[in-house]
Amino acid sequence: MGRYFGRKLAIYALTFVVAVTINWLIPRFMPGDPVRAMVARAGLQDASGVAAMREYYTNLFGFDLPWWQQYLNFWGELFSGNFGVSLWAYPKSVSTIIFEALPYTLGLLLPAILLSWWAGNRFGAYAARKKVLDNTVLPVWYVLTATPYMWLAILLAWALGKVAGLFPVGRSFSASLEPSISWLFVTDLISHWFLPFLSLFLVMFGGWAIGMRNMVIYELEADYAHYLGALGAPQKLVRRYAFRNAVLPQVTGLALQLGVIVGGAVVTEIVFDYRGLGYLVLEAIKTSDLFLLQGVFLFIVIGVLLANFVIDIVYVLVDPRTRVGMGSGS
């Protein structure tokens, strides 16, 4: 088992280095000059003052250094926990801005992922043995899983927010409120949270339900299921074994889909102006804030890698065949 997780850690470490390098490169290939944007926001009219400010910010952020030196400096600052200073919210640090927005993204993502996975697997397994439900609900699931996150978010914002007026659209909470532990703030926070959550939940729910439905049907037609039935085992026991075997590919699918889910959450936050990491990505792009952009992407990369590693551990715990294979390999 130690060798197995050692290989996994080595793969994740290599993936982290490659992802961080790409994360450092992409913002620097974006069009626009971040220093020029900062100087323009200052509104200076004097040419000498503009030149002095440009030189100051260029030296401050290290843009006058060669690219290879900027890259090495980036790794040095990364290991020291310094993600730089935001150009958009100067002189606020990138880490401070991200940690302020991170709870909103986690509060949106974790319930949507966990609840959709659990509910989708349960409904999919139930539909696999109920033909009426399978014939009526399955087309809806196919539509849900094929729906882009952004399109469904726009549709829900228009239908339930603008037309019906049931939920507010925009921001994580009302602009007139300050974050606090009070019933007024919590209810307001939940009302702003519900539509982004629902758009993520519905798309993911459809995918998990279809996957589980297909896997349960396959498992119920397997030889061991027929053998258990021939021995007189109750159908409830056969379905339980079928569900346990069918859920294993769903665990793998969760690891494979994490990147897509996180990307969908970022787009969903932009649609609803939800003040999480997606909102920061949009602001960083608009203001050419490469430090904030690479900081947000770095947090997303680390989060996806850590989640995949946890899922690898969970898979070893829930699948005895993996443990047997690891034991025979050692």
Protein backbone atom coordinates (compact mmCIF):
# COMPACT_ATOMS: atom_id res chain seq x y z
CA MET A 1 0.00 0.00 0.00
CA GLY A 2 2.90 2.34 0.74
CA ARG A 3 4.32 1.83 -2.76
CA TYR A 4 0.88 2.47 -4.28
CA PHE A 5 0.40 5.79 -2.54
CA GLY A 6 4.06 6.67 -3.14
CA ARG A 7 3.51 6.34 -6.90
CA LYS A 8 0.31 8.35 -6.63
CA LEU A 9 2.08 11.13 -4.76
CA ALA A 10 4.85 11.23 -7.36
CA ILE A 11 2.29 11.52 -10.16
CA TYR A 12 0.44 14.27 -8.33
CA ALA A 13 3.68 16.14 -7.62
CA LEU A 14 4.61 16.06 -11.32
CA THR A 15 1.11 17.14 -12.27
CA PHE A 16 1.34 20.01 -9.79
CA VAL A 17 4.63 21.28 -11.27
CA VAL A 18 3.28 21.15 -14.84
CA ALA A 19 -0.04 22.76 -13.86
CA VAL A 20 1.64 25.55 -11.89
CA THR A 21 4.01 26.25 -14.81
CA ILE A 22 1.10 26.50 -17.24
CA ASN A 23 -0.75 28.59 -14.68
CA TRP A 24 2.21 31.00 -14.59
CA LEU A 25 2.48 31.18 -18.38
CA ILE A 26 -1.16 31.70 -19.40
CA PRO A 27 -1.74 35.11 -17.72
CA ARG A 28 1.48 36.43 -19.27
CA PHE A 29 0.26 35.57 -22.76
CA MET A 30 -2.97 37.47 -22.20
CA PRO A 31 -3.41 40.69 -24.18
CA GLY A 32 -3.10 43.95 -22.30
CA ASP A 33 -0.53 45.69 -20.12
CA PRO A 34 -1.32 45.43 -16.38
CA VAL A 35 0.98 48.32 -15.49
CA ARG A 36 -0.63 50.56 -18.10
CA ALA A 37 -4.06 49.66 -16.70
CA MET A 38 -2.97 50.64 -13.18
CA VAL A 39 -1.53 53.95 -14.40
CA ALA A 40 -4.71 54.66 -16.38
CA ARG A 41 -6.83 54.13 -13.27
CA ALA A 42 -4.70 56.71 -11.44
CA GLY A 43 -5.87 59.35 -13.94
CA LEU A 44 -2.57 61.23 -14.18
CA GLN A 45 -2.28 63.88 -16.88
CA ASP A 46 1.40 64.80 -16.50
CA ALA A 47 3.62 62.78 -18.88
CA SER A 48 6.56 62.72 -16.48
CA GLY A 49 4.31 61.53 -13.65
CA VAL A 50 2.92 58.74 -15.85
CA ALA A 51 6.43 57.63 -16.81
CA ALA A 52 7.59 57.67 -13.19
CA MET A 53 4.58 55.64 -12.07
CA ARG A 54 5.07 53.12 -14.88
CA GLU A 55 8.70 52.66 -13.90
CA TYR A 56 7.79 52.32 -10.23
CA TYR A 57 5.16 49.61 -10.81
CA THR A 58 7.34 47.79 -13.34
CA ASN A 59 10.15 47.53 -10.82
CA LEU A 60 7.77 46.77 -7.95
CA PHE A 61 6.20 43.77 -9.65
CA GLY A 62 9.43 42.55 -11.25
CA PHE A 63 8.32 42.98 -14.85
CA ASP A 64 11.75 44.41 -15.72
CA LEU A 65 13.42 41.07 -14.97
CA PRO A 66 14.00 38.29 -17.57
CA TRP A 67 11.21 35.74 -17.83
CA TRP A 68 13.28 32.89 -16.42
CA GLN A 69 14.10 34.95 -13.34
CA GLN A 70 10.45 35.92 -12.90
CA TYR A 71 9.58 32.20 -13.07
CA LEU A 72 12.15 31.24 -10.42
CA ASN A 73 11.05 34.12 -8.23
CA PHE A 74 7.47 32.91 -8.58
CA TRP A 75 8.38 29.47 -7.21
CA GLY A 76 10.33 31.05 -4.37
CA GLU A 77 7.40 33.25 -3.40
CA LEU A 78 5.02 30.31 -3.78
CA PHE A 79 6.87 28.14 -1.26
CA SER A 80 7.00 31.09 1.15
CA GLY A 81 3.21 31.49 0.92
CA ASN A 82 3.36 34.81 -0.89
CA PHE A 83 1.11 35.01 -3.96
CA GLY A 84 1.91 38.62 -4.72
CA VAL A 85 -0.06 41.85 -4.62
CA SER A 86 -3.27 42.30 -6.60
CA LEU A 87 -3.17 44.87 -9.39
CA TRP A 88 -6.96 45.13 -9.30
CA ALA A 89 -7.24 45.77 -5.52
CA TYR A 90 -3.78 47.26 -4.94
CA PRO A 91 -2.22 47.21 -2.35
CA LYS A 92 -4.24 44.23 -1.09
CA SER A 93 -2.45 40.88 -1.22
CA VAL A 94 -3.70 38.13 -3.51
CA SER A 95 -3.92 35.62 -0.65
CA THR A 96 -6.16 37.97 1.37
CA ILE A 97 -8.55 38.45 -1.56
CA ILE A 98 -8.70 34.72 -2.29
CA PHE A 99 -9.30 33.72 1.33
CA GLU A 100 -12.16 36.22 1.51
CA ALA A 101 -13.83 34.68 -1.57
CA LEU A 102 -12.95 31.02 -0.95
CA PRO A 103 -15.69 30.28 1.63
CA TYR A 104 -18.38 31.30 -0.86
CA THR A 105 -17.02 28.98 -3.54
CA LEU A 106 -16.59 26.07 -1.13
CA GLY A 107 -20.06 26.67 0.27
CA LEU A 108 -21.42 26.45 -3.26
CA LEU A 109 -19.31 23.58 -4.61
CA LEU A 110 -19.22 21.06 -1.76
CA PRO A 111 -23.00 20.77 -1.22
CA ALA A 112 -23.65 20.70 -4.98
CA ILE A 113 -21.08 17.96 -5.62
CA LEU A 114 -21.89 15.75 -2.63
CA LEU A 115 -25.68 16.06 -2.77
CA SER A 116 -25.91 15.60 -6.55
CA TRP A 117 -23.63 12.55 -6.41
CA TRP A 118 -25.60 10.95 -3.58
CA ALA A 119 -29.06 11.79 -4.92
CA GLY A 120 -28.15 10.99 -8.53
CA ASN A 121 -26.84 7.55 -7.61
CA ARG A 122 -29.91 6.78 -5.48
CA PHE A 123 -32.42 7.89 -8.11
CA GLY A 124 -30.49 6.19 -10.90
CA ALA A 125 -30.42 2.86 -9.05
CA TYR A 126 -34.14 3.16 -8.30
CA ALA A 127 -35.02 3.98 -11.91
CA ALA A 128 -33.04 0.97 -13.15
CA ARG A 129 -35.65 -1.38 -11.66
CA LYS A 130 -38.75 0.78 -12.25
CA LYS A 131 -39.59 0.76 -15.97
CA VAL A 132 -42.29 3.44 -15.73
CA LEU A 133 -39.96 5.83 -13.93
CA ASP A 134 -37.14 4.97 -16.32
CA ASN A 135 -39.24 5.72 -19.39
CA THR A 136 -40.63 9.01 -18.09
CA VAL A 137 -37.74 10.58 -16.17
CA LEU A 138 -34.76 9.35 -18.20
CA PRO A 139 -35.28 11.84 -21.10
CA VAL A 140 -35.27 14.69 -18.55
CA TRP A 141 -31.98 13.41 -17.13
CA TYR A 142 -30.43 13.30 -20.58
CA VAL A 143 -31.45 16.92 -21.14
CA LEU A 144 -30.01 17.94 -17.76
CA THR A 145 -26.65 16.28 -18.23
CA ALA A 146 -26.28 17.75 -21.74
CA THR A 147 -27.12 21.27 -20.55
CA PRO A 148 -24.17 23.68 -20.21
CA TYR A 149 -23.78 25.09 -16.70
CA MET A 150 -23.86 28.65 -18.00
CA TRP A 151 -27.05 28.20 -20.04
CA LEU A 152 -28.98 26.62 -17.17
CA ALA A 153 -27.71 29.32 -14.79
CA ILE A 154 -28.99 32.04 -17.14
CA LEU A 155 -32.33 30.26 -17.53
CA LEU A 156 -32.83 29.89 -13.77
CA ALA A 157 -31.77 33.49 -13.13
CA TRP A 158 -34.34 34.68 -15.67
CA ALA A 159 -37.21 32.35 -14.70
CA LEU A 160 -36.93 32.18 -10.90
CA GLY A 161 -35.13 35.46 -10.34
CA LYS A 162 -36.36 38.07 -12.80
CA VAL A 163 -39.77 36.71 -13.84
CA ALA A 164 -41.01 34.93 -10.72
CA GLY A 165 -39.00 37.09 -8.30
CA LEU A 166 -38.55 34.17 -5.91
CA PHE A 167 -34.80 34.59 -5.42
CA PRO A 168 -32.37 37.49 -5.74
CA VAL A 169 -29.91 37.51 -8.63
CA GLY A 170 -26.48 39.02 -8.12
CA ARG A 171 -23.86 39.08 -5.34
CA SER A 172 -23.43 36.62 -2.47
CA PHE A 173 -25.60 38.72 -0.14
CA SER A 174 -27.39 42.05 -0.25
CA ALA A 175 -25.19 45.12 -0.56
CA SER A 176 -26.98 46.74 2.37
CA LEU A 177 -25.86 43.99 4.79
CA GLU A 178 -22.55 43.27 6.47
CA PRO A 179 -21.36 39.69 7.13
CA SER A 180 -22.47 38.66 10.61
CA ILE A 181 -23.85 35.71 12.54
CA SER A 182 -27.47 36.76 12.54
CA TRP A 183 -30.72 35.29 11.25
CA LEU A 184 -31.20 38.18 8.82
CA PHE A 185 -27.78 37.75 7.21
CA VAL A 186 -27.95 33.93 7.10
CA THR A 187 -31.35 33.89 5.39
CA ASP A 188 -30.20 36.54 2.93
CA LEU A 189 -27.03 34.54 2.22
CA ILE A 190 -29.03 31.36 1.57
CA SER A 191 -31.46 33.14 -0.75
CA HIS A 192 -28.54 34.40 -2.90
CA TRP A 193 -26.86 30.97 -2.73
CA PHE A 194 -29.84 28.86 -3.82
CA LEU A 195 -29.97 29.59 -7.57
CA PRO A 196 -26.22 29.05 -8.24
CA PHE A 197 -26.44 25.85 -6.17
CA LEU A 198 -29.52 24.64 -8.03
CA SER A 199 -27.97 25.19 -11.47
CA LEU A 200 -24.89 23.14 -10.50
CA PHE A 201 -26.93 20.47 -8.73
CA LEU A 202 -29.32 19.82 -11.62
CA VAL A 203 -26.64 19.39 -14.29
CA MET A 204 -24.54 17.08 -12.11
CA PHE A 205 -27.59 15.17 -10.86
CA GLY A 206 -28.58 14.19 -14.38
CA GLY A 207 -25.12 12.82 -15.18
CA TRP A 208 -24.81 10.75 -12.01
CA ALA A 209 -28.36 9.39 -12.36
CA ILE A 210 -27.83 8.20 -15.93
CA GLY A 211 -24.47 6.65 -15.09
CA MET A 212 -25.83 4.76 -12.09
CA ARG A 213 -28.92 3.64 -13.96
CA ASN A 214 -26.82 2.12 -16.73
CA MET A 215 -24.35 0.49 -14.32
CA VAL A 216 -27.09 -1.08 -12.16
CA ILE A 217 -28.79 -2.58 -15.23
CA TYR A 218 -25.42 -4.00 -16.31
CA GLU A 219 -24.73 -5.45 -12.85
CA LEU A 220 -28.19 -7.02 -12.56
CA GLU A 221 -27.51 -8.88 -15.82
CA ALA A 222 -24.10 -10.11 -14.65
CA ASP A 223 -23.45 -13.81 -13.94
CA TYR A 224 -23.14 -13.39 -10.18
CA ALA A 225 -26.59 -11.75 -10.02
CA HIS A 226 -28.20 -14.62 -11.91
CA TYR A 227 -26.30 -17.13 -9.77
CA LEU A 228 -27.53 -15.50 -6.56
CA GLY A 229 -31.07 -15.56 -7.94
CA ALA A 230 -30.75 -19.26 -8.82
CA LEU A 231 -29.62 -19.98 -5.26
CA GLY A 232 -32.81 -18.38 -3.96
CA ALA A 233 -31.27 -15.17 -2.64
CA PRO A 234 -33.84 -12.41 -2.10
CA GLN A 235 -33.97 -9.70 -4.74
CA LYS A 236 -33.16 -7.09 -2.12
CA LEU A 237 -29.79 -8.76 -1.49
CA VAL A 238 -29.06 -9.06 -5.22
CA ARG A 239 -29.84 -5.38 -5.76
CA ARG A 240 -27.63 -4.43 -2.82
CA TYR A 241 -24.64 -6.22 -4.34
CA ALA A 242 -25.42 -4.72 -7.73
CA PHE A 243 -25.52 -1.23 -6.23
CA ARG A 244 -22.21 -1.71 -4.38
CA ASN A 245 -20.48 -2.82 -7.58
CA ALA A 246 -22.13 -0.12 -9.70
CA VAL A 247 -21.08 2.70 -7.38
CA LEU A 248 -17.35 2.01 -7.89
CA PRO A 249 -17.23 3.47 -11.45
CA GLN A 250 -19.20 6.43 -10.09
CA VAL A 251 -16.41 7.12 -7.58
CA THR A 252 -13.91 7.05 -10.45
CA GLY A 253 -16.19 9.30 -12.49
CA LEU A 254 -16.29 11.79 -9.64
CA ALA A 255 -12.50 12.09 -9.76
CA LEU A 256 -12.51 12.49 -13.54
CA GLN A 257 -15.28 15.11 -13.52
CA LEU A 258 -13.92 17.33 -10.73
CA GLY A 259 -12.11 19.67 -13.12
CA VAL A 260 -15.21 20.08 -15.29
CA ILE A 261 -17.38 20.66 -12.22
CA VAL A 262 -15.05 23.32 -10.82
CA GLY A 263 -14.93 25.03 -14.21
CA GLY A 264 -18.72 24.97 -14.33
CA ALA A 265 -18.86 26.52 -10.86
CA VAL A 266 -16.56 29.35 -11.96
CA VAL A 267 -18.81 30.14 -14.93
CA THR A 268 -21.93 29.88 -12.77
CA GLU A 269 -20.52 32.38 -10.28
CA ILE A 270 -19.86 34.81 -13.12
CA VAL A 271 -23.46 34.51 -14.35
CA PHE A 272 -24.91 35.23 -10.89
CA ASP A 273 -22.20 37.74 -9.93
CA TYR A 274 -21.62 35.44 -6.97
CA ARG A 275 -18.57 36.78 -5.11
CA GLY A 276 -16.48 33.61 -5.09
CA LEU A 277 -13.41 32.59 -7.08
CA GLY A 278 -15.30 32.88 -10.37
CA TYR A 279 -15.99 36.54 -9.68
CA LEU A 280 -12.28 37.07 -8.99
CA VAL A 281 -11.37 35.40 -12.29
CA LEU A 282 -13.64 37.79 -14.18
CA GLU A 283 -12.26 40.86 -12.41
CA ALA A 284 -8.68 39.68 -12.91
CA ILE A 285 -9.26 39.25 -16.65
CA LYS A 286 -10.94 42.66 -17.00
CA THR A 287 -8.08 44.44 -15.22
CA SER A 288 -5.20 42.26 -16.56
CA ASP A 289 -4.38 41.29 -12.96
CA LEU A 290 -2.11 38.34 -13.72
CA PHE A 291 -1.12 37.88 -10.06
CA LEU A 292 -4.72 37.45 -8.94
CA LEU A 293 -5.52 35.25 -11.93
CA GLN A 294 -2.62 32.89 -11.35
CA GLY A 295 -3.40 32.87 -7.62
CA VAL A 296 -7.02 31.81 -8.19
CA PHE A 297 -6.02 29.16 -10.73
CA LEU A 298 -3.36 27.89 -8.33
CA PHE A 299 -5.96 27.41 -5.61
CA ILE A 300 -8.23 25.60 -8.07
CA VAL A 301 -5.38 23.30 -9.17
CA ILE A 302 -4.42 22.49 -5.59
CA GLY A 303 -8.05 21.88 -4.65
CA VAL A 304 -8.70 19.53 -7.58
CA LEU A 305 -5.47 17.58 -6.95
CA LEU A 306 -6.22 17.20 -3.23
CA ALA A 307 -9.79 16.10 -3.97
CA ASN A 308 -8.56 13.52 -6.48
CA PHE A 309 -6.07 12.17 -3.95
CA VAL A 310 -8.82 11.85 -1.34
CA ILE A 311 -10.99 10.01 -3.88
CA ASP A 312 -8.07 7.63 -4.57
CA ILE A 313 -7.94 6.85 -0.86
CA VAL A 314 -11.71 6.37 -0.71
CA TYR A 315 -11.59 4.03 -3.70
CA VAL A 316 -9.03 1.82 -1.94
CA LEU A 317 -11.28 1.70 1.13
CA VAL A 318 -14.52 0.85 -0.73
CA ASP A 319 -13.09 -1.58 -3.32
CA PRO A 320 -11.62 -4.76 -1.76
CA ARG A 321 -10.26 -5.86 -5.15
CA THR A 322 -7.90 -2.88 -5.14
CA ARG A 323 -6.58 -3.82 -1.69
CA VAL A 324 -6.12 -7.44 -2.77
CA GLY A 325 -4.25 -6.32 -5.89
CA MET A 326 -1.99 -4.07 -3.82
CA GLY A 327 -1.28 -6.90 -1.40
CA SER A 328 -0.41 -9.38 -4.14
CA GLY A 329 1.76 -6.76 -5.86
CA SER A 330 3.85 -6.19 -2.72
